[in-house]
Amino acid sequence: MPEVHDLSALAEDHLNQARGDAHGRSAQLVVHDGALRQSVIALVSGTELDEHNTPPAASLCVLRGEVRLTTEQGNEWVLREGQFGEVPKERHDLVALADSVVLLTAVTATA
């Protein structure tokens, strides 16, 4: 049987770690299966993940809090707890508008 994860516990643990981290963040890769990656990322309010590239396919699910994703073209989306969506296929940044935890699902290669 594959490993089972408790997202609520992971979110709580990483949010507590982020609150104590000098950079205001904590992350863990929880699933790594071939090209599939799933990571839990906790950010305290105001913390930003600087502009970065997008893998071939990705989605973002907000487990706690509220985040804003902004593309290099200036498009932006605010996602709140319980919301999820596809990550645009262009460079973007991510800012925590409140203490937040997200689940990032990424496919790093395509056939």
PDB file of N, CA and C in Angstrom:
ATOM      1  N   MET A   1       0.851  -1.182   0.000  1.00  0.00           N
ATOM      2  CA  MET A   1       0.000   0.000   0.000  1.00  0.00           C
ATOM      3  C   MET A   1       0.893   1.241   0.000  1.00  0.00           C
ATOM      4  N   PRO A   2       0.563   2.247  -0.819  1.00  0.00           N
ATOM      5  CA  PRO A   2       1.352   3.475  -0.863  1.00  0.00           C
ATOM      6  C   PRO A   2       1.266   4.225   0.469  1.00  0.00           C
ATOM      7  N   GLU A   3       2.235   5.080   0.712  1.00  0.00           N
ATOM      8  CA  GLU A   3       2.246   5.870   1.931  1.00  0.00           C
ATOM      9  C   GLU A   3       1.042   6.822   1.948  1.00  0.00           C
ATOM     10  N   VAL A   4       0.406   6.937   3.098  1.00  0.00           N
ATOM     11  CA  VAL A   4      -0.746   7.807   3.276  1.00  0.00           C
ATOM     12  C   VAL A   4      -0.303   9.003   4.106  1.00  0.00           C
ATOM     13  N   HIS A   5      -0.724  10.200   3.700  1.00  0.00           N
ATOM     14  CA  HIS A   5      -0.333  11.430   4.384  1.00  0.00           C
ATOM     15  C   HIS A   5      -1.555  12.111   4.985  1.00  0.00           C
ATOM     16  N   ASP A   6      -1.376  12.713   6.128  1.00  0.00           N
ATOM     17  CA  ASP A   6      -2.421  13.497   6.782  1.00  0.00           C
ATOM     18  C   ASP A   6      -2.158  14.963   6.450  1.00  0.00           C
ATOM     19  N   LEU A   7      -2.893  15.515   5.466  1.00  0.00           N
ATOM     20  CA  LEU A   7      -2.656  16.894   5.027  1.00  0.00           C
ATOM     21  C   LEU A   7      -2.902  17.908   6.133  1.00  0.00           C
ATOM     22  N   SER A   8      -3.875  17.672   6.972  1.00  0.00           N
ATOM     23  CA  SER A   8      -4.141  18.612   8.072  1.00  0.00           C
ATOM     24  C   SER A   8      -2.955  18.674   9.026  1.00  0.00           C
ATOM     25  N   ALA A   9      -2.407  17.525   9.377  1.00  0.00           N
ATOM     26  CA  ALA A   9      -1.252  17.487  10.276  1.00  0.00           C
ATOM     27  C   ALA A   9      -0.017  18.104   9.615  1.00  0.00           C
ATOM     28  N   LEU A  10       0.204  17.772   8.345  1.00  0.00           N
ATOM     29  CA  LEU A  10       1.335  18.356   7.622  1.00  0.00           C
ATOM     30  C   LEU A  10       1.210  19.877   7.540  1.00  0.00           C
ATOM     31  N   ALA A  11       0.001  20.354   7.245  1.00  0.00           N
ATOM     32  CA  ALA A  11      -0.224  21.802   7.151  1.00  0.00           C
ATOM     33  C   ALA A  11       0.086  22.472   8.481  1.00  0.00           C
ATOM     34  N   GLU A  12      -0.413  21.913   9.561  1.00  0.00           N
ATOM     35  CA  GLU A  12      -0.178  22.485  10.895  1.00  0.00           C
ATOM     36  C   GLU A  12       1.314  22.491  11.239  1.00  0.00           C
ATOM     37  N   ASP A  13       1.984  21.351  11.019  1.00  0.00           N
ATOM     38  CA  ASP A  13       3.418  21.246  11.313  1.00  0.00           C
ATOM     39  C   ASP A  13       4.231  22.264  10.528  1.00  0.00           C
ATOM     40  N   HIS A  14       3.961  22.360   9.229  1.00  0.00           N
ATOM     41  CA  HIS A  14       4.762  23.259   8.398  1.00  0.00           C
ATOM     42  C   HIS A  14       4.429  24.719   8.650  1.00  0.00           C
ATOM     43  N   LEU A  15       3.210  25.031   8.988  1.00  0.00           N
ATOM     44  CA  LEU A  15       2.880  26.414   9.325  1.00  0.00           C
ATOM     45  C   LEU A  15       3.599  26.822  10.618  1.00  0.00           C
ATOM     46  N   ASN A  16       3.652  25.931  11.587  1.00  0.00           N
ATOM     47  CA  ASN A  16       4.396  26.219  12.816  1.00  0.00           C
ATOM     48  C   ASN A  16       5.884  26.398  12.528  1.00  0.00           C
ATOM     49  N   GLN A  17       6.434  25.561  11.654  1.00  0.00           N
ATOM     50  CA  GLN A  17       7.844  25.697  11.277  1.00  0.00           C
ATOM     51  C   GLN A  17       8.094  27.014  10.539  1.00  0.00           C
ATOM     52  N   ALA A  18       7.176  27.377   9.646  1.00  0.00           N
ATOM     53  CA  ALA A  18       7.330  28.627   8.886  1.00  0.00           C
ATOM     54  C   ALA A  18       7.303  29.826   9.821  1.00  0.00           C
ATOM     55  N   ARG A  19       6.455  29.784  10.824  1.00  0.00           N
ATOM     56  CA  ARG A  19       6.364  30.898  11.776  1.00  0.00           C
ATOM     57  C   ARG A  19       7.665  31.076  12.550  1.00  0.00           C
ATOM     58  N   GLY A  20       8.434  30.007  12.705  1.00  0.00           N
ATOM     59  CA  GLY A  20       9.713  30.091  13.399  1.00  0.00           C
ATOM     60  C   GLY A  20      10.909  30.242  12.480  1.00  0.00           C
ATOM     61  N   ASP A  21      10.687  30.248  11.186  1.00  0.00           N
ATOM     62  CA  ASP A  21      11.775  30.322  10.203  1.00  0.00           C
ATOM     63  C   ASP A  21      12.097  31.772   9.854  1.00  0.00           C
ATOM     64  N   ALA A  22      13.371  32.082   9.729  1.00  0.00           N
ATOM     65  CA  ALA A  22      13.803  33.449   9.404  1.00  0.00           C
ATOM     66  C   ALA A  22      13.245  33.925   8.063  1.00  0.00           C
ATOM     67  N   HIS A  23      12.985  33.013   7.143  1.00  0.00           N
ATOM     68  CA  HIS A  23      12.458  33.372   5.820  1.00  0.00           C
ATOM     69  C   HIS A  23      10.939  33.233   5.741  1.00  0.00           C
ATOM     70  N   GLY A  24      10.308  32.774   6.820  1.00  0.00           N
ATOM     71  CA  GLY A  24       8.853  32.684   6.866  1.00  0.00           C
ATOM     72  C   GLY A  24       8.256  31.592   6.013  1.00  0.00           C
ATOM     73  N   ARG A  25       9.004  30.501   5.830  1.00  0.00           N
ATOM     74  CA  ARG A  25       8.447  29.419   5.009  1.00  0.00           C
ATOM     75  C   ARG A  25       8.969  28.054   5.443  1.00  0.00           C
ATOM     76  N   SER A  26       8.232  27.041   5.049  1.00  0.00           N
ATOM     77  CA  SER A  26       8.619  25.651   5.291  1.00  0.00           C
ATOM     78  C   SER A  26       7.980  24.819   4.193  1.00  0.00           C
ATOM     79  N   ALA A  27       8.686  23.806   3.712  1.00  0.00           N
ATOM     80  CA  ALA A  27       8.155  22.987   2.616  1.00  0.00           C
ATOM     81  C   ALA A  27       8.642  21.553   2.746  1.00  0.00           C
ATOM     82  N   GLN A  28       7.855  20.655   2.161  1.00  0.00           N
ATOM     83  CA  GLN A  28       8.235  19.248   2.137  1.00  0.00           C
ATOM     84  C   GLN A  28       7.681  18.601   0.876  1.00  0.00           C
ATOM     85  N   LEU A  29       8.533  17.885   0.172  1.00  0.00           N
ATOM     86  CA  LEU A  29       8.098  17.056  -0.950  1.00  0.00           C
ATOM     87  C   LEU A  29       7.490  15.796  -0.351  1.00  0.00           C
ATOM     88  N   VAL A  30       6.190  15.579  -0.548  1.00  0.00           N
ATOM     89  CA  VAL A  30       5.522  14.441   0.080  1.00  0.00           C
ATOM     90  C   VAL A  30       5.257  13.287  -0.880  1.00  0.00           C
ATOM     91  N   VAL A  31       5.180  13.576  -2.181  1.00  0.00           N
ATOM     92  CA  VAL A  31       5.020  12.527  -3.192  1.00  0.00           C
ATOM     93  C   VAL A  31       6.031  12.778  -4.295  1.00  0.00           C
ATOM     94  N   HIS A  32       6.807  11.732  -4.606  1.00  0.00           N
ATOM     95  CA  HIS A  32       7.770  11.787  -5.707  1.00  0.00           C
ATOM     96  C   HIS A  32       7.658  10.440  -6.418  1.00  0.00           C
ATOM     97  N   ASP A  33       6.909  10.455  -7.511  1.00  0.00           N
ATOM     98  CA  ASP A  33       6.646   9.227  -8.259  1.00  0.00           C
ATOM     99  C   ASP A  33       6.842   9.520  -9.737  1.00  0.00           C
ATOM    100  N   GLY A  34       7.984   9.144 -10.276  1.00  0.00           N
ATOM    101  CA  GLY A  34       8.288   9.451 -11.672  1.00  0.00           C
ATOM    102  C   GLY A  34       8.282  10.954 -11.884  1.00  0.00           C
ATOM    103  N   ALA A  35       7.454  11.421 -12.815  1.00  0.00           N
ATOM    104  CA  ALA A  35       7.380  12.851 -13.115  1.00  0.00           C
ATOM    105  C   ALA A  35       6.436  13.615 -12.174  1.00  0.00           C
ATOM    106  N   LEU A  36       5.723  12.889 -11.307  1.00  0.00           N
ATOM    107  CA  LEU A  36       4.760  13.518 -10.396  1.00  0.00           C
ATOM    108  C   LEU A  36       5.437  13.965  -9.105  1.00  0.00           C
ATOM    109  N   ARG A  37       5.174  15.212  -8.721  1.00  0.00           N
ATOM    110  CA  ARG A  37       5.668  15.758  -7.460  1.00  0.00           C
ATOM    111  C   ARG A  37       4.516  16.450  -6.752  1.00  0.00           C
ATOM    112  N   GLN A  38       4.391  16.209  -5.448  1.00  0.00           N
ATOM    113  CA  GLN A  38       3.434  16.948  -4.633  1.00  0.00           C
ATOM    114  C   GLN A  38       4.177  17.469  -3.415  1.00  0.00           C
ATOM    115  N   SER A  39       4.054  18.770  -3.195  1.00  0.00           N
ATOM    116  CA  SER A  39       4.751  19.423  -2.093  1.00  0.00           C
ATOM    117  C   SER A  39       3.788  20.234  -1.257  1.00  0.00           C
ATOM    118  N   VAL A  40       3.996  20.180   0.049  1.00  0.00           N
ATOM    119  CA  VAL A  40       3.287  21.042   0.977  1.00  0.00           C
ATOM    120  C   VAL A  40       4.203  22.233   1.241  1.00  0.00           C
ATOM    121  N   ILE A  41       3.666  23.447   1.048  1.00  0.00           N
ATOM    122  CA  ILE A  41       4.453  24.670   1.235  1.00  0.00           C
ATOM    123  C   ILE A  41       3.682  25.580   2.180  1.00  0.00           C
ATOM    124  N   ALA A  42       4.327  25.976   3.276  1.00  0.00           N
ATOM    125  CA  ALA A  42       3.725  26.896   4.242  1.00  0.00           C
ATOM    126  C   ALA A  42       4.457  28.235   4.157  1.00  0.00           C
ATOM    127  N   LEU A  43       3.674  29.321   4.157  1.00  0.00           N
ATOM    128  CA  LEU A  43       4.228  30.675   4.078  1.00  0.00           C
ATOM    129  C   LEU A  43       3.503  31.550   5.096  1.00  0.00           C
ATOM    130  N   VAL A  44       4.277  32.319   5.879  1.00  0.00           N
ATOM    131  CA  VAL A  44       3.623  33.262   6.779  1.00  0.00           C
ATOM    132  C   VAL A  44       3.188  34.483   5.968  1.00  0.00           C
ATOM    133  N   SER A  45       2.221  35.200   6.486  1.00  0.00           N
ATOM    134  CA  SER A  45       1.663  36.365   5.789  1.00  0.00           C
ATOM    135  C   SER A  45       2.777  37.313   5.334  1.00  0.00           C
ATOM    136  N   GLY A  46       2.708  37.706   4.063  1.00  0.00           N
ATOM    137  CA  GLY A  46       3.691  38.624   3.491  1.00  0.00           C
ATOM    138  C   GLY A  46       4.881  37.948   2.848  1.00  0.00           C
ATOM    139  N   THR A  47       5.052  36.664   3.078  1.00  0.00           N
ATOM    140  CA  THR A  47       6.175  35.931   2.486  1.00  0.00           C
ATOM    141  C   THR A  47       5.910  35.693   1.004  1.00  0.00           C
ATOM    142  N   GLU A  48       6.960  35.837   0.201  1.00  0.00           N
ATOM    143  CA  GLU A  48       6.840  35.693  -1.246  1.00  0.00           C
ATOM    144  C   GLU A  48       7.790  34.624  -1.753  1.00  0.00           C
ATOM    145  N   LEU A  49       7.308  33.821  -2.680  1.00  0.00           N
ATOM    146  CA  LEU A  49       8.181  32.951  -3.463  1.00  0.00           C
ATOM    147  C   LEU A  49       8.455  33.735  -4.741  1.00  0.00           C
ATOM    148  N   ASP A  50       9.692  34.177  -4.914  1.00  0.00           N
ATOM    149  CA  ASP A  50      10.046  35.012  -6.054  1.00  0.00           C
ATOM    150  C   ASP A  50       9.663  34.357  -7.374  1.00  0.00           C
ATOM    151  N   GLU A  51       9.620  35.169  -8.415  1.00  0.00           N
ATOM    152  CA  GLU A  51       9.247  34.703  -9.747  1.00  0.00           C
ATOM    153  C   GLU A  51      10.074  33.479 -10.130  1.00  0.00           C
ATOM    154  N   HIS A  52       9.385  32.473 -10.643  1.00  0.00           N
ATOM    155  CA  HIS A  52      10.034  31.229 -11.035  1.00  0.00           C
ATOM    156  C   HIS A  52       9.285  30.607 -12.212  1.00  0.00           C
ATOM    157  N   ASN A  53       9.941  29.641 -12.859  1.00  0.00           N
ATOM    158  CA  ASN A  53       9.350  28.957 -14.011  1.00  0.00           C
ATOM    159  C   ASN A  53       8.307  27.944 -13.561  1.00  0.00           C
ATOM    160  N   THR A  54       7.421  27.609 -14.468  1.00  0.00           N
ATOM    161  CA  THR A  54       6.382  26.618 -14.228  1.00  0.00           C
ATOM    162  C   THR A  54       6.783  25.306 -14.882  1.00  0.00           C
ATOM    163  N   PRO A  55       6.559  24.174 -14.203  1.00  0.00           N
ATOM    164  CA  PRO A  55       6.802  22.889 -14.861  1.00  0.00           C
ATOM    165  C   PRO A  55       5.776  22.682 -15.972  1.00  0.00           C
ATOM    166  N   PRO A  56       5.910  21.612 -16.764  1.00  0.00           N
ATOM    167  CA  PRO A  56       4.970  21.388 -17.865  1.00  0.00           C
ATOM    168  C   PRO A  56       3.500  21.392 -17.452  1.00  0.00           C
ATOM    169  N   ALA A  57       3.202  20.946 -16.231  1.00  0.00           N
ATOM    170  CA  ALA A  57       1.823  20.987 -15.729  1.00  0.00           C
ATOM    171  C   ALA A  57       1.872  21.101 -14.212  1.00  0.00           C
ATOM    172  N   ALA A  58       0.987  21.938 -13.654  1.00  0.00           N
ATOM    173  CA  ALA A  58       0.961  22.108 -12.196  1.00  0.00           C
ATOM    174  C   ALA A  58      -0.384  22.656 -11.753  1.00  0.00           C
ATOM    175  N   SER A  59      -0.743  22.333 -10.510  1.00  0.00           N
ATOM    176  CA  SER A  59      -1.926  22.916  -9.889  1.00  0.00           C
ATOM    177  C   SER A  59      -1.574  23.304  -8.461  1.00  0.00           C
ATOM    178  N   LEU A  60      -2.351  24.222  -7.929  1.00  0.00           N
ATOM    179  CA  LEU A  60      -2.121  24.739  -6.585  1.00  0.00           C
ATOM    180  C   LEU A  60      -3.436  24.662  -5.821  1.00  0.00           C
ATOM    181  N   CYS A  61      -3.405  24.040  -4.650  1.00  0.00           N
ATOM    182  CA  CYS A  61      -4.584  23.920  -3.796  1.00  0.00           C
ATOM    183  C   CYS A  61      -4.258  24.591  -2.463  1.00  0.00           C
ATOM    184  N   VAL A  62      -5.100  25.521  -2.044  1.00  0.00           N
ATOM    185  CA  VAL A  62      -4.874  26.232  -0.783  1.00  0.00           C
ATOM    186  C   VAL A  62      -5.539  25.436   0.344  1.00  0.00           C
ATOM    187  N   LEU A  63      -4.699  24.916   1.233  1.00  0.00           N
ATOM    188  CA  LEU A  63      -5.184  24.144   2.375  1.00  0.00           C
ATOM    189  C   LEU A  63      -5.577  25.060   3.531  1.00  0.00           C
ATOM    190  N   ARG A  64      -4.830  26.169   3.670  1.00  0.00           N
ATOM    191  CA  ARG A  64      -5.114  27.166   4.710  1.00  0.00           C
ATOM    192  C   ARG A  64      -4.722  28.535   4.192  1.00  0.00           C
ATOM    193  N   GLY A  65      -5.449  29.546   4.612  1.00  0.00           N
ATOM    194  CA  GLY A  65      -5.070  30.917   4.318  1.00  0.00           C
ATOM    195  C   GLY A  65      -5.529  31.431   2.968  1.00  0.00           C
ATOM    196  N   GLU A  66      -4.684  32.325   2.408  1.00  0.00           N
ATOM    197  CA  GLU A  66      -5.006  33.014   1.159  1.00  0.00           C
ATOM    198  C   GLU A  66      -3.700  33.423   0.490  1.00  0.00           C
ATOM    199  N   VAL A  67      -3.581  33.160  -0.815  1.00  0.00           N
ATOM    200  CA  VAL A  67      -2.372  33.484  -1.566  1.00  0.00           C
ATOM    201  C   VAL A  67      -2.724  34.223  -2.853  1.00  0.00           C
ATOM    202  N   ARG A  68      -1.751  34.957  -3.378  1.00  0.00           N
ATOM    203  CA  ARG A  68      -1.921  35.625  -4.673  1.00  0.00           C
ATOM    204  C   ARG A  68      -0.807  35.144  -5.595  1.00  0.00           C
ATOM    205  N   LEU A  69      -1.196  34.657  -6.767  1.00  0.00           N
ATOM    206  CA  LEU A  69      -0.257  34.239  -7.798  1.00  0.00           C
ATOM    207  C   LEU A  69      -0.283  35.303  -8.884  1.00  0.00           C
ATOM    208  N   THR A  70       0.892  35.829  -9.235  1.00  0.00           N
ATOM    209  CA  THR A  70       0.991  36.875 -10.259  1.00  0.00           C
ATOM    210  C   THR A  70       1.971  36.421 -11.335  1.00  0.00           C
ATOM    211  N   THR A  71       1.546  36.502 -12.611  1.00  0.00           N
ATOM    212  CA  THR A  71       2.414  36.111 -13.721  1.00  0.00           C
ATOM    213  C   THR A  71       3.273  37.294 -14.154  1.00  0.00           C
ATOM    214  N   GLU A  72       4.309  37.005 -14.922  1.00  0.00           N
ATOM    215  CA  GLU A  72       5.179  38.067 -15.417  1.00  0.00           C
ATOM    216  C   GLU A  72       4.436  38.999 -16.379  1.00  0.00           C
ATOM    217  N   GLN A  73       3.308  38.550 -16.925  1.00  0.00           N
ATOM    218  CA  GLN A  73       2.486  39.387 -17.798  1.00  0.00           C
ATOM    219  C   GLN A  73       1.538  40.283 -17.004  1.00  0.00           C
ATOM    220  N   GLY A  74       1.530  40.135 -15.669  1.00  0.00           N
ATOM    221  CA  GLY A  74       0.700  40.984 -14.822  1.00  0.00           C
ATOM    222  C   GLY A  74      -0.659  40.422 -14.471  1.00  0.00           C
ATOM    223  N   ASN A  75      -0.979  39.216 -14.939  1.00  0.00           N
ATOM    224  CA  ASN A  75      -2.236  38.576 -14.542  1.00  0.00           C
ATOM    225  C   ASN A  75      -2.102  38.077 -13.119  1.00  0.00           C
ATOM    226  N   GLU A  76      -3.188  38.161 -12.353  1.00  0.00           N
ATOM    227  CA  GLU A  76      -3.104  37.659 -10.989  1.00  0.00           C
ATOM    228  C   GLU A  76      -4.390  36.972 -10.560  1.00  0.00           C
ATOM    229  N   TRP A  77      -4.212  36.021  -9.664  1.00  0.00           N
ATOM    230  CA  TRP A  77      -5.310  35.255  -9.108  1.00  0.00           C
ATOM    231  C   TRP A  77      -5.125  35.203  -7.600  1.00  0.00           C
ATOM    232  N   VAL A  78      -6.218  35.392  -6.880  1.00  0.00           N
ATOM    233  CA  VAL A  78      -6.213  35.199  -5.437  1.00  0.00           C
ATOM    234  C   VAL A  78      -6.959  33.901  -5.167  1.00  0.00           C
ATOM    235  N   LEU A  79      -6.301  33.013  -4.447  1.00  0.00           N
ATOM    236  CA  LEU A  79      -6.903  31.736  -4.075  1.00  0.00           C
ATOM    237  C   LEU A  79      -7.019  31.688  -2.564  1.00  0.00           C
ATOM    238  N   ARG A  80      -8.192  31.268  -2.100  1.00  0.00           N
ATOM    239  CA  ARG A  80      -8.479  31.188  -0.673  1.00  0.00           C
ATOM    240  C   ARG A  80      -8.595  29.729  -0.244  1.00  0.00           C
ATOM    241  N   GLU A  81      -8.583  29.529   1.050  1.00  0.00           N
ATOM    242  CA  GLU A  81      -8.682  28.195   1.625  1.00  0.00           C
ATOM    243  C   GLU A  81      -9.787  27.386   0.943  1.00  0.00           C
ATOM    244  N   GLY A  82      -9.425  26.177   0.503  1.00  0.00           N
ATOM    245  CA  GLY A  82     -10.375  25.292  -0.150  1.00  0.00           C
ATOM    246  C   GLY A  82     -10.433  25.459  -1.655  1.00  0.00           C
ATOM    247  N   GLN A  83      -9.796  26.489  -2.191  1.00  0.00           N
ATOM    248  CA  GLN A  83      -9.797  26.703  -3.643  1.00  0.00           C
ATOM    249  C   GLN A  83      -8.535  26.116  -4.263  1.00  0.00           C
ATOM    250  N   PHE A  84      -8.649  25.735  -5.526  1.00  0.00           N
ATOM    251  CA  PHE A  84      -7.487  25.254  -6.262  1.00  0.00           C
ATOM    252  C   PHE A  84      -7.636  25.596  -7.730  1.00  0.00           C
ATOM    253  N   GLY A  85      -6.516  25.572  -8.429  1.00  0.00           N
ATOM    254  CA  GLY A  85      -6.548  25.855  -9.856  1.00  0.00           C
ATOM    255  C   GLY A  85      -5.243  25.492 -10.520  1.00  0.00           C
ATOM    256  N   GLU A  86      -5.284  25.526 -11.829  1.00  0.00           N
ATOM    257  CA  GLU A  86      -4.110  25.247 -12.644  1.00  0.00           C
ATOM    258  C   GLU A  86      -3.136  26.418 -12.541  1.00  0.00           C
ATOM    259  N   VAL A  87      -1.862  26.118 -12.437  1.00  0.00           N
ATOM    260  CA  VAL A  87      -0.836  27.154 -12.422  1.00  0.00           C
ATOM    261  C   VAL A  87      -0.569  27.558 -13.875  1.00  0.00           C
ATOM    262  N   PRO A  88      -0.608  28.860 -14.179  1.00  0.00           N
ATOM    263  CA  PRO A  88      -0.366  29.304 -15.562  1.00  0.00           C
ATOM    264  C   PRO A  88       1.009  28.848 -16.062  1.00  0.00           C
ATOM    265  N   LYS A  89       1.092  28.623 -17.349  1.00  0.00           N
ATOM    266  CA  LYS A  89       2.336  28.140 -17.954  1.00  0.00           C
ATOM    267  C   LYS A  89       3.250  29.302 -18.333  1.00  0.00           C
ATOM    268  N   GLU A  90       3.535  30.142 -17.356  1.00  0.00           N
ATOM    269  CA  GLU A  90       4.498  31.235 -17.538  1.00  0.00           C
ATOM    270  C   GLU A  90       5.107  31.555 -16.177  1.00  0.00           C
ATOM    271  N   ARG A  91       6.206  32.295 -16.209  1.00  0.00           N
ATOM    272  CA  ARG A  91       6.856  32.668 -14.950  1.00  0.00           C
ATOM    273  C   ARG A  91       5.854  33.378 -14.050  1.00  0.00           C
ATOM    274  N   HIS A  92       5.972  33.118 -12.754  1.00  0.00           N
ATOM    275  CA  HIS A  92       5.034  33.695 -11.802  1.00  0.00           C
ATOM    276  C   HIS A  92       5.668  33.761 -10.420  1.00  0.00           C
ATOM    277  N   ASP A  93       5.054  34.536  -9.536  1.00  0.00           N
ATOM    278  CA  ASP A  93       5.444  34.517  -8.133  1.00  0.00           C
ATOM    279  C   ASP A  93       4.222  34.158  -7.301  1.00  0.00           C
ATOM    280  N   LEU A  94       4.450  33.939  -6.015  1.00  0.00           N
ATOM    281  CA  LEU A  94       3.368  33.578  -5.105  1.00  0.00           C
ATOM    282  C   LEU A  94       3.586  34.332  -3.807  1.00  0.00           C
ATOM    283  N   VAL A  95       2.545  35.022  -3.325  1.00  0.00           N
ATOM    284  CA  VAL A  95       2.622  35.798  -2.093  1.00  0.00           C
ATOM    285  C   VAL A  95       1.530  35.318  -1.142  1.00  0.00           C
ATOM    286  N   ALA A  96       1.903  35.112   0.120  1.00  0.00           N
ATOM    287  CA  ALA A  96       0.922  34.755   1.141  1.00  0.00           C
ATOM    288  C   ALA A  96       0.252  36.031   1.636  1.00  0.00           C
ATOM    289  N   LEU A  97      -1.058  36.124   1.474  1.00  0.00           N
ATOM    290  CA  LEU A  97      -1.815  37.280   1.951  1.00  0.00           C
ATOM    291  C   LEU A  97      -2.237  37.090   3.404  1.00  0.00           C
ATOM    292  N   ALA A  98      -2.129  35.864   3.889  1.00  0.00           N
ATOM    293  CA  ALA A  98      -2.357  35.487   5.285  1.00  0.00           C
ATOM    294  C   ALA A  98      -1.450  34.284   5.528  1.00  0.00           C
ATOM    295  N   ASP A  99      -1.255  33.880   6.772  1.00  0.00           N
ATOM    296  CA  ASP A  99      -0.512  32.649   7.009  1.00  0.00           C
ATOM    297  C   ASP A  99      -1.199  31.559   6.195  1.00  0.00           C
ATOM    298  N   SER A 100      -0.430  30.874   5.345  1.00  0.00           N
ATOM    299  CA  SER A 100      -1.029  29.977   4.351  1.00  0.00           C
ATOM    300  C   SER A 100      -0.251  28.686   4.191  1.00  0.00           C
ATOM    301  N   VAL A 101      -0.973  27.659   3.753  1.00  0.00           N
ATOM    302  CA  VAL A 101      -0.368  26.386   3.375  1.00  0.00           C
ATOM    303  C   VAL A 101      -0.997  25.963   2.055  1.00  0.00           C
ATOM    304  N   VAL A 102      -0.158  25.588   1.096  1.00  0.00           N
ATOM    305  CA  VAL A 102      -0.648  25.141  -0.205  1.00  0.00           C
ATOM    306  C   VAL A 102      -0.102  23.753  -0.511  1.00  0.00           C
ATOM    307  N   LEU A 103      -0.842  23.044  -1.346  1.00  0.00           N
ATOM    308  CA  LEU A 103      -0.374  21.777  -1.890  1.00  0.00           C
ATOM    309  C   LEU A 103      -0.113  22.026  -3.368  1.00  0.00           C
ATOM    310  N   LEU A 104       1.149  21.937  -3.745  1.00  0.00           N
ATOM    311  CA  LEU A 104       1.561  22.105  -5.136  1.00  0.00           C
ATOM    312  C   LEU A 104       1.707  20.727  -5.760  1.00  0.00           C
ATOM    313  N   THR A 105       0.976  20.493  -6.837  1.00  0.00           N
ATOM    314  CA  THR A 105       1.086  19.257  -7.596  1.00  0.00           C
ATOM    315  C   THR A 105       1.724  19.617  -8.932  1.00  0.00           C
ATOM    316  N   ALA A 106       2.831  18.955  -9.261  1.00  0.00           N
ATOM    317  CA  ALA A 106       3.547  19.284 -10.494  1.00  0.00           C
ATOM    318  C   ALA A 106       3.909  18.008 -11.249  1.00  0.00           C
ATOM    319  N   VAL A 107       3.828  18.112 -12.569  1.00  0.00           N
ATOM    320  CA  VAL A 107       4.321  17.075 -13.461  1.00  0.00           C
ATOM    321  C   VAL A 107       5.550  17.675 -14.132  1.00  0.00           C
ATOM    322  N   THR A 108       6.703  17.056 -13.921  1.00  0.00           N
ATOM    323  CA  THR A 108       7.965  17.658 -14.348  1.00  0.00           C
ATOM    324  C   THR A 108       8.408  17.239 -15.736  1.00  0.00           C
ATOM    325  N   ALA A 109       7.709  16.295 -16.354  1.00  0.00           N
ATOM    326  CA  ALA A 109       8.055  15.864 -17.709  1.00  0.00           C
ATOM    327  C   ALA A 109       6.787  15.386 -18.398  1.00  0.00           C
ATOM    328  N   THR A 110       6.799  15.461 -19.716  1.00  0.00           N
ATOM    329  CA  THR A 110       5.680  14.944 -20.499  1.00  0.00           C
ATOM    330  C   THR A 110       6.195  13.912 -21.480  1.00  0.00           C
ATOM    331  N   ALA A 111       5.316  13.046 -21.897  1.00  0.00           N
ATOM    332  CA  ALA A 111       5.709  11.967 -22.832  1.00  0.00           C
ATOM    333  C   ALA A 111       5.862  12.502 -24.223  1.00  0.00           C
TER     334      ALA A 111
END
